[in-house]
């Protein structure tokens, strides 16, 4: 029960932040090339760490 009391508000706040972030992104003029490049570099770093075991 204590876990539910702790986790439920965190989930609700995270959901509210996600909804706000999505609405802000829809309104903003975002450079999606830069965003996807940034996400690609992060994914590549995690993949290379998984493959090589270094980092």
N, C-alpha and C. Protein backbone atom coordinates (compact mmCIF):
# COMPACT_ATOMS: atom_id res chain seq x y z
N UNK A 1 0.82 -1.19 0.00
CA UNK A 1 0.00 0.00 0.00
C UNK A 1 0.86 1.26 0.00
N UNK A 2 1.95 1.21 0.77
CA UNK A 2 2.85 2.37 0.83
C UNK A 2 3.46 2.62 -0.55
N UNK A 3 3.84 1.53 -1.24
CA UNK A 3 4.40 1.70 -2.58
C UNK A 3 3.41 2.36 -3.51
N UNK A 4 2.15 1.98 -3.42
CA UNK A 4 1.11 2.57 -4.26
C UNK A 4 0.97 4.06 -3.97
N UNK A 5 1.02 4.43 -2.71
CA UNK A 5 0.90 5.84 -2.31
C UNK A 5 2.10 6.64 -2.84
N UNK A 6 3.25 6.03 -2.91
CA UNK A 6 4.45 6.73 -3.40
C UNK A 6 4.49 6.76 -4.92
N UNK A 7 4.19 5.64 -5.56
CA UNK A 7 4.34 5.52 -7.01
C UNK A 7 3.22 6.25 -7.77
N UNK A 8 2.00 6.20 -7.27
CA UNK A 8 0.87 6.81 -7.98
C UNK A 8 1.06 8.31 -8.23
N UNK A 9 1.44 9.12 -7.24
CA UNK A 9 1.66 10.55 -7.54
C UNK A 9 2.80 10.78 -8.54
N UNK A 10 3.83 9.95 -8.48
CA UNK A 10 4.94 10.08 -9.43
C UNK A 10 4.45 9.80 -10.84
N UNK A 11 3.63 8.77 -11.02
CA UNK A 11 3.08 8.45 -12.33
C UNK A 11 2.18 9.57 -12.83
N UNK A 12 1.36 10.12 -11.96
CA UNK A 12 0.45 11.21 -12.35
C UNK A 12 1.24 12.44 -12.78
N UNK A 13 2.26 12.81 -12.01
CA UNK A 13 3.08 13.98 -12.36
C UNK A 13 3.82 13.73 -13.67
N UNK A 14 4.37 12.53 -13.85
CA UNK A 14 5.07 12.22 -15.10
C UNK A 14 4.12 12.30 -16.29
N UNK A 15 2.90 11.82 -16.12
CA UNK A 15 1.90 11.88 -17.20
C UNK A 15 1.57 13.32 -17.54
N UNK A 16 1.38 14.16 -16.52
CA UNK A 16 1.07 15.57 -16.76
C UNK A 16 2.23 16.27 -17.48
N UNK A 17 3.46 15.97 -17.08
CA UNK A 17 4.62 16.57 -17.74
C UNK A 17 4.72 16.10 -19.19
N UNK A 18 4.43 14.83 -19.43
CA UNK A 18 4.48 14.31 -20.80
C UNK A 18 3.43 14.98 -21.68
N UNK A 19 2.23 15.15 -21.17
CA UNK A 19 1.17 15.82 -21.93
C UNK A 19 1.55 17.26 -22.22
N UNK A 20 2.13 17.96 -21.24
CA UNK A 20 2.55 19.34 -21.44
C UNK A 20 3.68 19.42 -22.46
N UNK A 21 4.62 18.49 -22.38
CA UNK A 21 5.74 18.48 -23.32
C UNK A 21 5.24 18.25 -24.74
N UNK A 22 4.31 17.33 -24.92
CA UNK A 22 3.78 17.05 -26.25
C UNK A 22 3.05 18.26 -26.80
N UNK A 23 2.27 18.94 -25.97
CA UNK A 23 1.55 20.12 -26.46
C UNK A 23 2.52 21.25 -26.80
N UNK A 24 3.59 21.41 -26.01
CA UNK A 24 4.58 22.44 -26.31
C UNK A 24 5.34 22.14 -27.60
N UNK A 25 5.65 20.87 -27.83
CA UNK A 25 6.37 20.49 -29.06
C UNK A 25 5.49 20.71 -30.28
N UNK A 26 4.20 20.45 -30.16
CA UNK A 26 3.29 20.67 -31.29
C UNK A 26 3.22 22.15 -31.64
N UNK A 27 3.29 23.02 -30.64
CA UNK A 27 3.21 24.46 -30.88
C UNK A 27 4.51 25.04 -31.41
N UNK A 28 5.64 24.46 -31.03
CA UNK A 28 6.95 25.02 -31.34
C UNK A 28 7.40 24.63 -32.74
N UNK A 29 8.29 25.45 -33.27
CA UNK A 29 8.93 25.15 -34.55
C UNK A 29 10.24 24.43 -34.24
N UNK A 30 10.24 23.11 -34.34
CA UNK A 30 11.36 22.30 -33.90
C UNK A 30 12.17 21.85 -35.10
N UNK A 31 13.50 21.91 -34.97
CA UNK A 31 14.40 21.38 -35.99
C UNK A 31 14.52 19.87 -35.77
N UNK A 32 13.69 19.10 -36.47
CA UNK A 32 13.66 17.66 -36.23
C UNK A 32 14.93 16.97 -36.69
N UNK A 33 15.67 17.56 -37.64
CA UNK A 33 16.94 16.96 -38.07
C UNK A 33 17.92 16.93 -36.91
N UNK A 34 18.01 18.03 -36.19
CA UNK A 34 18.91 18.08 -35.03
C UNK A 34 18.48 17.15 -33.93
N UNK A 35 17.19 17.07 -33.68
CA UNK A 35 16.68 16.20 -32.62
C UNK A 35 16.96 14.74 -32.95
N UNK A 36 16.69 14.33 -34.18
CA UNK A 36 16.92 12.93 -34.55
C UNK A 36 18.41 12.60 -34.57
N UNK A 37 19.25 13.55 -34.96
CA UNK A 37 20.70 13.33 -34.93
C UNK A 37 21.16 13.11 -33.49
N UNK A 38 20.68 13.93 -32.58
CA UNK A 38 21.03 13.81 -31.17
C UNK A 38 20.58 12.46 -30.61
N UNK A 39 19.36 12.06 -30.90
CA UNK A 39 18.84 10.77 -30.43
C UNK A 39 19.63 9.62 -31.07
N UNK A 40 19.99 9.79 -32.34
CA UNK A 40 20.78 8.77 -33.02
C UNK A 40 22.14 8.56 -32.38
N UNK A 41 22.80 9.66 -32.00
CA UNK A 41 24.10 9.54 -31.34
C UNK A 41 23.98 8.83 -29.99
N UNK A 42 22.93 9.13 -29.26
CA UNK A 42 22.72 8.46 -27.97
C UNK A 42 22.47 6.97 -28.19
N UNK A 43 21.62 6.64 -29.17
CA UNK A 43 21.34 5.22 -29.45
C UNK A 43 22.61 4.50 -29.91
N UNK A 44 23.41 5.17 -30.73
CA UNK A 44 24.67 4.57 -31.20
C UNK A 44 25.62 4.32 -30.04
N UNK A 45 25.69 5.25 -29.10
CA UNK A 45 26.56 5.09 -27.93
C UNK A 45 26.13 3.89 -27.10
N UNK A 46 24.81 3.75 -26.86
CA UNK A 46 24.34 2.60 -26.09
C UNK A 46 24.58 1.29 -26.84
N UNK A 47 24.38 1.30 -28.15
CA UNK A 47 24.59 0.09 -28.94
C UNK A 47 26.06 -0.31 -28.93
N UNK A 48 26.96 0.67 -29.13
CA UNK A 48 28.39 0.35 -29.12
C UNK A 48 28.84 -0.13 -27.74
N UNK A 49 28.25 0.44 -26.69
CA UNK A 49 28.59 -0.04 -25.34
C UNK A 49 28.13 -1.49 -25.17
N UNK A 50 26.95 -1.80 -25.71
CA UNK A 50 26.44 -3.16 -25.61
C UNK A 50 27.32 -4.14 -26.39
N UNK A 51 27.74 -3.74 -27.59
CA UNK A 51 28.53 -4.62 -28.43
C UNK A 51 29.95 -4.80 -27.91
N UNK A 52 30.60 -3.69 -27.54
CA UNK A 52 32.01 -3.75 -27.16
C UNK A 52 32.21 -3.96 -25.67
N UNK A 53 31.27 -3.55 -24.85
CA UNK A 53 31.43 -3.67 -23.42
C UNK A 53 32.29 -2.57 -22.83
N UNK A 54 32.67 -1.60 -23.63
CA UNK A 54 33.50 -0.49 -23.15
C UNK A 54 32.63 0.74 -22.96
N UNK A 55 33.09 1.65 -22.12
CA UNK A 55 32.41 2.93 -21.96
C UNK A 55 31.62 3.05 -20.70
